[in-house]
PDB file of N, CA and C in Angstrom:
ATOM      1  N   MET A   1      65.870  83.585 118.024  1.00  0.00           N
ATOM      2  CA  MET A   1      65.445  84.264 119.238  1.00  0.00           C
ATOM      3  C   MET A   1      63.911  84.304 119.249  1.00  0.00           C
ATOM      4  N   SER A   2      63.342  83.853 120.324  1.00  0.00           N
ATOM      5  CA  SER A   2      61.882  83.782 120.411  1.00  0.00           C
ATOM      6  C   SER A   2      61.301  85.153 120.750  1.00  0.00           C
ATOM      7  N   ASN A   3      60.012  85.262 120.572  1.00  0.00           N
ATOM      8  CA  ASN A   3      59.324  86.514 120.910  1.00  0.00           C
ATOM      9  C   ASN A   3      59.452  86.818 122.391  1.00  0.00           C
ATOM     10  N   GLU A   4      59.407  85.780 123.207  1.00  0.00           N
ATOM     11  CA  GLU A   4      59.527  85.989 124.651  1.00  0.00           C
ATOM     12  C   GLU A   4      60.899  86.551 124.995  1.00  0.00           C
ATOM     13  N   ASP A   5      61.949  86.032 124.371  1.00  0.00           N
ATOM     14  CA  ASP A   5      63.299  86.552 124.606  1.00  0.00           C
ATOM     15  C   ASP A   5      63.403  88.015 124.172  1.00  0.00           C
ATOM     16  N   ARG A   6      62.777  88.322 123.065  1.00  0.00           N
ATOM     17  CA  ARG A   6      62.792  89.703 122.574  1.00  0.00           C
ATOM     18  C   ARG A   6      62.074  90.631 123.547  1.00  0.00           C
ATOM     19  N   PHE A   7      60.942  90.189 124.075  1.00  0.00           N
ATOM     20  CA  PHE A   7      60.210  91.000 125.049  1.00  0.00           C
ATOM     21  C   PHE A   7      61.023  91.201 126.321  1.00  0.00           C
ATOM     22  N   VAL A   8      61.708  90.157 126.764  1.00  0.00           N
ATOM     23  CA  VAL A   8      62.556  90.269 127.957  1.00  0.00           C
ATOM     24  C   VAL A   8      63.661  91.287 127.711  1.00  0.00           C
ATOM     25  N   ASP A   9      64.296  91.212 126.536  1.00  0.00           N
ATOM     26  CA  ASP A   9      65.348  92.177 126.203  1.00  0.00           C
ATOM     27  C   ASP A   9      64.802  93.605 126.181  1.00  0.00           C
ATOM     28  N   ILE A  10      63.625  93.766 125.609  1.00  0.00           N
ATOM     29  CA  ILE A  10      63.011  95.100 125.563  1.00  0.00           C
ATOM     30  C   ILE A  10      62.689  95.590 126.968  1.00  0.00           C
ATOM     31  N   GLU A  11      62.184  94.729 127.817  1.00  0.00           N
ATOM     32  CA  GLU A  11      61.873  95.113 129.197  1.00  0.00           C
ATOM     33  C   GLU A  11      63.140  95.497 129.955  1.00  0.00           C
ATOM     34  N   ILE A  12      64.225  94.776 129.722  1.00  0.00           N
ATOM     35  CA  ILE A  12      65.495  95.097 130.380  1.00  0.00           C
ATOM     36  C   ILE A  12      65.988  96.470 129.919  1.00  0.00           C
ATOM     37  N   LYS A  13      65.936  96.698 128.617  1.00  0.00           N
ATOM     38  CA  LYS A  13      66.360  97.995 128.091  1.00  0.00           C
ATOM     39  C   LYS A  13      65.487  99.120 128.631  1.00  0.00           C
ATOM     40  N   LEU A  14      64.198  98.885 128.713  1.00  0.00           N
ATOM     41  CA  LEU A  14      63.283  99.888 129.240  1.00  0.00           C
ATOM     42  C   LEU A  14      63.603 100.192 130.704  1.00  0.00           C
ATOM     43  N   ALA A  15      63.884  99.163 131.482  1.00  0.00           N
ATOM     44  CA  ALA A  15      64.223  99.367 132.900  1.00  0.00           C
ATOM     45  C   ALA A  15      65.495 100.205 133.025  1.00  0.00           C
ATOM     46  N   HIS A  16      66.483  99.934 132.186  1.00  0.00           N
ATOM     47  CA  HIS A  16      67.723 100.722 132.204  1.00  0.00           C
ATOM     48  C   HIS A  16      67.458 102.165 131.802  1.00  0.00           C
ATOM     49  N   GLN A  17      66.618 102.359 130.818  1.00  0.00           N
ATOM     50  CA  GLN A  17      66.290 103.726 130.391  1.00  0.00           C
ATOM     51  C   GLN A  17      65.536 104.479 131.482  1.00  0.00           C
ATOM     52  N   GLU A  18      64.636 103.798 132.173  1.00  0.00           N
ATOM     53  CA  GLU A  18      63.915 104.448 133.278  1.00  0.00           C
ATOM     54  C   GLU A  18      64.876 104.860 134.379  1.00  0.00           C
ATOM     55  N   ASP A  19      65.848 104.005 134.701  1.00  0.00           N
ATOM     56  CA  ASP A  19      66.860 104.348 135.695  1.00  0.00           C
ATOM     57  C   ASP A  19      67.681 105.549 135.240  1.00  0.00           C
ATOM     58  N   MET A  20      68.042 105.554 133.964  1.00  0.00           N
ATOM     59  CA  MET A  20      68.829 106.654 133.415  1.00  0.00           C
ATOM     60  C   MET A  20      68.048 107.959 133.471  1.00  0.00           C
ATOM     61  N   VAL A  21      66.782 107.922 133.109  1.00  0.00           N
ATOM     62  CA  VAL A  21      65.946 109.122 133.145  1.00  0.00           C
ATOM     63  C   VAL A  21      65.824 109.633 134.584  1.00  0.00           C
ATOM     64  N   GLU A  22      65.654 108.740 135.523  1.00  0.00           N
ATOM     65  CA  GLU A  22      65.560 109.149 136.929  1.00  0.00           C
ATOM     66  C   GLU A  22      66.865 109.780 137.399  1.00  0.00           C
ATOM     67  N   SER A  23      67.977 109.190 137.025  1.00  0.00           N
ATOM     68  CA  SER A  23      69.286 109.749 137.395  1.00  0.00           C
ATOM     69  C   SER A  23      69.486 111.127 136.779  1.00  0.00           C
ATOM     70  N   LEU A  24      69.146 111.264 135.507  1.00  0.00           N
ATOM     71  CA  LEU A  24      69.281 112.557 134.844  1.00  0.00           C
ATOM     72  C   LEU A  24      68.354 113.596 135.465  1.00  0.00           C
ATOM     73  N   ASN A  25      67.169 113.185 135.838  1.00  0.00           N
ATOM     74  CA  ASN A  25      66.238 114.103 136.496  1.00  0.00           C
ATOM     75  C   ASN A  25      66.808 114.591 137.828  1.00  0.00           C
ATOM     76  N   ASP A  26      67.433 113.693 138.580  1.00  0.00           N
ATOM     77  CA  ASP A  26      68.067 114.087 139.844  1.00  0.00           C
ATOM     78  C   ASP A  26      69.159 115.131 139.603  1.00  0.00           C
ATOM     79  N   VAL A  27      69.940 114.927 138.560  1.00  0.00           N
ATOM     80  CA  VAL A  27      71.007 115.879 138.229  1.00  0.00           C
ATOM     81  C   VAL A  27      70.409 117.228 137.846  1.00  0.00           C
ATOM     82  N   VAL A  28      69.353 117.219 137.057  1.00  0.00           N
ATOM     83  CA  VAL A  28      68.713 118.469 136.651  1.00  0.00           C
ATOM     84  C   VAL A  28      68.168 119.209 137.873  1.00  0.00           C
ATOM     85  N   ILE A  29      67.574 118.486 138.796  1.00  0.00           N
ATOM     86  CA  ILE A  29      67.048 119.107 140.020  1.00  0.00           C
ATOM     87  C   ILE A  29      68.183 119.732 140.824  1.00  0.00           C
ATOM     88  N   GLN A  30      69.290 119.018 140.977  1.00  0.00           N
ATOM     89  CA  GLN A  30      70.447 119.555 141.713  1.00  0.00           C
ATOM     90  C   GLN A  30      70.992 120.803 141.025  1.00  0.00           C
ATOM     91  N   GLN A  31      71.108 120.759 139.713  1.00  0.00           N
ATOM     92  CA  GLN A  31      71.622 121.907 138.977  1.00  0.00           C
ATOM     93  C   GLN A  31      70.676 123.096 139.088  1.00  0.00           C
ATOM     94  N   SER A  32      69.404 122.841 139.061  1.00  0.00           N
ATOM     95  CA  SER A  32      68.430 123.917 139.193  1.00  0.00           C
ATOM     96  C   SER A  32      68.546 124.594 140.552  1.00  0.00           C
ATOM     97  N   ARG A  33      68.703 123.796 141.588  1.00  0.00           N
ATOM     98  CA  ARG A  33      68.881 124.367 142.938  1.00  0.00           C
ATOM     99  C   ARG A  33      70.158 125.193 143.009  1.00  0.00           C
ATOM    100  N   ARG A  34      71.219 124.671 142.409  1.00  0.00           N
ATOM    101  CA  ARG A  34      72.501 125.389 142.427  1.00  0.00           C
ATOM    102  C   ARG A  34      72.396 126.690 141.640  1.00  0.00           C
ATOM    103  N   ILE A  35      71.719 126.660 140.517  1.00  0.00           N
ATOM    104  CA  ILE A  35      71.519 127.875 139.718  1.00  0.00           C
ATOM    105  C   ILE A  35      70.743 128.904 140.530  1.00  0.00           C
ATOM    106  N   ASP A  36      69.717 128.470 141.248  1.00  0.00           N
ATOM    107  CA  ASP A  36      68.951 129.385 142.095  1.00  0.00           C
ATOM    108  C   ASP A  36      69.853 130.017 143.150  1.00  0.00           C
ATOM    109  N   GLN A  37      70.728 129.205 143.764  1.00  0.00           N
ATOM    110  CA  GLN A  37      71.658 129.730 144.774  1.00  0.00           C
ATOM    111  C   GLN A  37      72.608 130.756 144.159  1.00  0.00           C
ATOM    112  N   LEU A  38      73.139 130.433 142.989  1.00  0.00           N
ATOM    113  CA  LEU A  38      74.084 131.333 142.328  1.00  0.00           C
ATOM    114  C   LEU A  38      73.408 132.628 141.893  1.00  0.00           C
ATOM    115  N   GLU A  39      72.178 132.544 141.419  1.00  0.00           N
ATOM    116  CA  GLU A  39      71.449 133.754 141.038  1.00  0.00           C
ATOM    117  C   GLU A  39      71.216 134.650 142.257  1.00  0.00           C
ATOM    118  N   ALA A  40      70.890 134.040 143.383  1.00  0.00           N
ATOM    119  CA  ALA A  40      70.701 134.820 144.610  1.00  0.00           C
ATOM    120  C   ALA A  40      72.019 135.472 145.024  1.00  0.00           C
ATOM    121  N   MET A  41      73.105 134.735 144.881  1.00  0.00           N
ATOM    122  CA  MET A  41      74.420 135.262 145.225  1.00  0.00           C
ATOM    123  C   MET A  41      74.787 136.458 144.342  1.00  0.00           C
ATOM    124  N   VAL A  42      74.559 136.324 143.054  1.00  0.00           N
ATOM    125  CA  VAL A  42      74.858 137.405 142.115  1.00  0.00           C
ATOM    126  C   VAL A  42      74.010 138.633 142.440  1.00  0.00           C
ATOM    127  N   SER A  43      72.764 138.405 142.754  1.00  0.00           N
ATOM    128  CA  SER A  43      71.878 139.513 143.113  1.00  0.00           C
ATOM    129  C   SER A  43      72.381 140.231 144.367  1.00  0.00           C
ATOM    130  N   GLN A  44      72.797 139.468 145.360  1.00  0.00           N
ATOM    131  CA  GLN A  44      73.333 140.066 146.589  1.00  0.00           C
ATOM    132  C   GLN A  44      74.620 140.838 146.317  1.00  0.00           C
ATOM    133  N   LEU A  45      75.484 140.270 145.475  1.00  0.00           N
ATOM    134  CA  LEU A  45      76.731 140.963 145.147  1.00  0.00           C
ATOM    135  C   LEU A  45      76.463 142.247 144.373  1.00  0.00           C
ATOM    136  N   ALA A  46      75.524 142.213 143.451  1.00  0.00           N
ATOM    137  CA  ALA A  46      75.176 143.414 142.699  1.00  0.00           C
ATOM    138  C   ALA A  46      74.632 144.487 143.635  1.00  0.00           C
ATOM    139  N   GLU A  47      73.785 144.092 144.551  1.00  0.00           N
ATOM    140  CA  GLU A  47      73.242 145.044 145.533  1.00  0.00           C
ATOM    141  C   GLU A  47      74.356 145.608 146.404  1.00  0.00           C
ATOM    142  N   HIS A  48      75.271 144.768 146.815  1.00  0.00           N
ATOM    143  CA  HIS A  48      76.409 145.204 147.628  1.00  0.00           C
ATOM    144  C   HIS A  48      77.253 146.217 146.854  1.00  0.00           C
ATOM    145  N   ILE A  49      77.504 145.943 145.587  1.00  0.00           N
ATOM    146  CA  ILE A  49      78.304 146.857 144.760  1.00  0.00           C
ATOM    147  C   ILE A  49      77.574 148.181 144.586  1.00  0.00           C
ATOM    148  N   ARG A  50      76.260 148.128 144.327  1.00  0.00           N
ATOM    149  CA  ARG A  50      75.486 149.365 144.189  1.00  0.00           C
ATOM    150  C   ARG A  50      75.534 150.185 145.473  1.00  0.00           C
ATOM    151  N   ASN A  51      75.398 149.533 146.607  1.00  0.00           N
ATOM    152  CA  ASN A  51      75.418 150.245 147.884  1.00  0.00           C
ATOM    153  C   ASN A  51      76.783 150.868 148.147  1.00  0.00           C
ATOM    154  N   ASN A  52      77.839 150.154 147.828  1.00  0.00           N
ATOM    155  CA  ASN A  52      79.185 150.689 148.056  1.00  0.00           C
ATOM    156  C   ASN A  52      79.518 151.801 147.079  1.00  0.00           C
ATOM    157  N   ALA A  53      79.013 151.734 145.856  1.00  0.00           N
ATOM    158  CA  ALA A  53      79.271 152.779 144.868  1.00  0.00           C
ATOM    159  C   ALA A  53      78.589 154.078 145.283  1.00  0.00           C
ATOM    160  N   GLN A  54      77.458 153.984 145.956  1.00  0.00           N
ATOM    161  CA  GLN A  54      76.722 155.172 146.383  1.00  0.00           C
ATOM    162  C   GLN A  54      77.278 155.757 147.673  1.00  0.00           C
ATOM    163  N   SER A  55      78.082 155.001 148.394  1.00  0.00           N
ATOM    164  CA  SER A  55      78.557 155.466 149.702  1.00  0.00           C
ATOM    165  C   SER A  55      79.778 156.370 149.599  1.00  0.00           C
ATOM    166  N   GLY A  56      80.251 156.658 148.411  1.00  0.00           N
ATOM    167  CA  GLY A  56      81.364 157.586 148.259  1.00  0.00           C
ATOM    168  C   GLY A  56      82.548 156.934 147.593  1.00  0.00           C
ATOM    169  N   PRO A  57      83.683 157.632 147.629  1.00  0.00           N
ATOM    170  CA  PRO A  57      84.875 157.117 146.950  1.00  0.00           C
ATOM    171  C   PRO A  57      85.346 155.818 147.582  1.00  0.00           C
ATOM    172  N   ASN A  58      85.871 154.994 146.750  1.00  0.00           N
ATOM    173  CA  ASN A  58      86.349 153.685 147.191  1.00  0.00           C
ATOM    174  C   ASN A  58      87.854 153.767 147.408  1.00  0.00           C
ATOM    175  N   PRO A  59      88.342 153.469 148.611  1.00  0.00           N
ATOM    176  CA  PRO A  59      89.779 153.571 148.878  1.00  0.00           C
ATOM    177  C   PRO A  59      90.620 152.665 147.975  1.00  0.00           C
ATOM    178  N   VAL A  60      90.043 151.624 147.454  1.00  0.00           N
ATOM    179  CA  VAL A  60      90.791 150.731 146.578  1.00  0.00           C
ATOM    180  C   VAL A  60      91.154 151.452 145.284  1.00  0.00           C
ATOM    181  N   ASN A  61      90.300 152.352 144.831  1.00  0.00           N
ATOM    182  CA  ASN A  61      90.539 153.064 143.584  1.00  0.00           C
ATOM    183  C   ASN A  61      91.286 154.372 143.777  1.00  0.00           C
ATOM    184  N   ASP A  62      91.490 154.789 145.002  1.00  0.00           N
ATOM    185  CA  ASP A  62      92.210 156.041 145.263  1.00  0.00           C
ATOM    186  C   ASP A  62      93.694 155.866 144.965  1.00  0.00           C
ATOM    187  N   VAL A  63      94.329 156.946 144.518  1.00  0.00           N
ATOM    188  CA  VAL A  63      95.768 156.925 144.260  1.00  0.00           C
ATOM    189  C   VAL A  63      96.478 156.989 145.598  1.00  0.00           C
ATOM    190  N   PRO A  64      97.463 156.134 145.794  1.00  0.00           N
ATOM    191  CA  PRO A  64      98.213 156.184 147.060  1.00  0.00           C
ATOM    192  C   PRO A  64      98.882 157.538 147.246  1.00  0.00           C
ATOM    193  N   PRO A  65      99.139 157.938 148.490  1.00  0.00           N
ATOM    194  CA  PRO A  65      99.683 159.294 148.762  1.00  0.00           C
ATOM    195  C   PRO A  65     101.064 159.518 148.146  1.00  0.00           C
ATOM    196  N   HIS A  66     101.839 158.524 147.891  1.00  0.00           N
ATOM    197  CA  HIS A  66     103.194 158.735 147.368  1.00  0.00           C
ATOM    198  C   HIS A  66     103.223 159.004 145.884  1.00  0.00           C
ATOM    199  N   TYR A  67     102.083 159.072 145.192  1.00  0.00           N
ATOM    200  CA  TYR A  67     102.056 159.380 143.751  1.00  0.00           C
ATOM    201  C   TYR A  67     101.857 160.848 143.520  1.00  0.00           C
TER     202      TYR A  67
END
């Protein structure tokens, strides 16, 4: 195998690795956006729960009248 063939093989491998890194970066960006959305959702749910807990007794936790 000549030096030129070796360089071509290395360039091909490098091109594949660059594509892989770009693909992985895209996935990381998507996951980061999704994590941000989920964190906002959790924050909203926590606020909702705090507001409902302060508003008085919760009918879901009340004992039904037949008990």
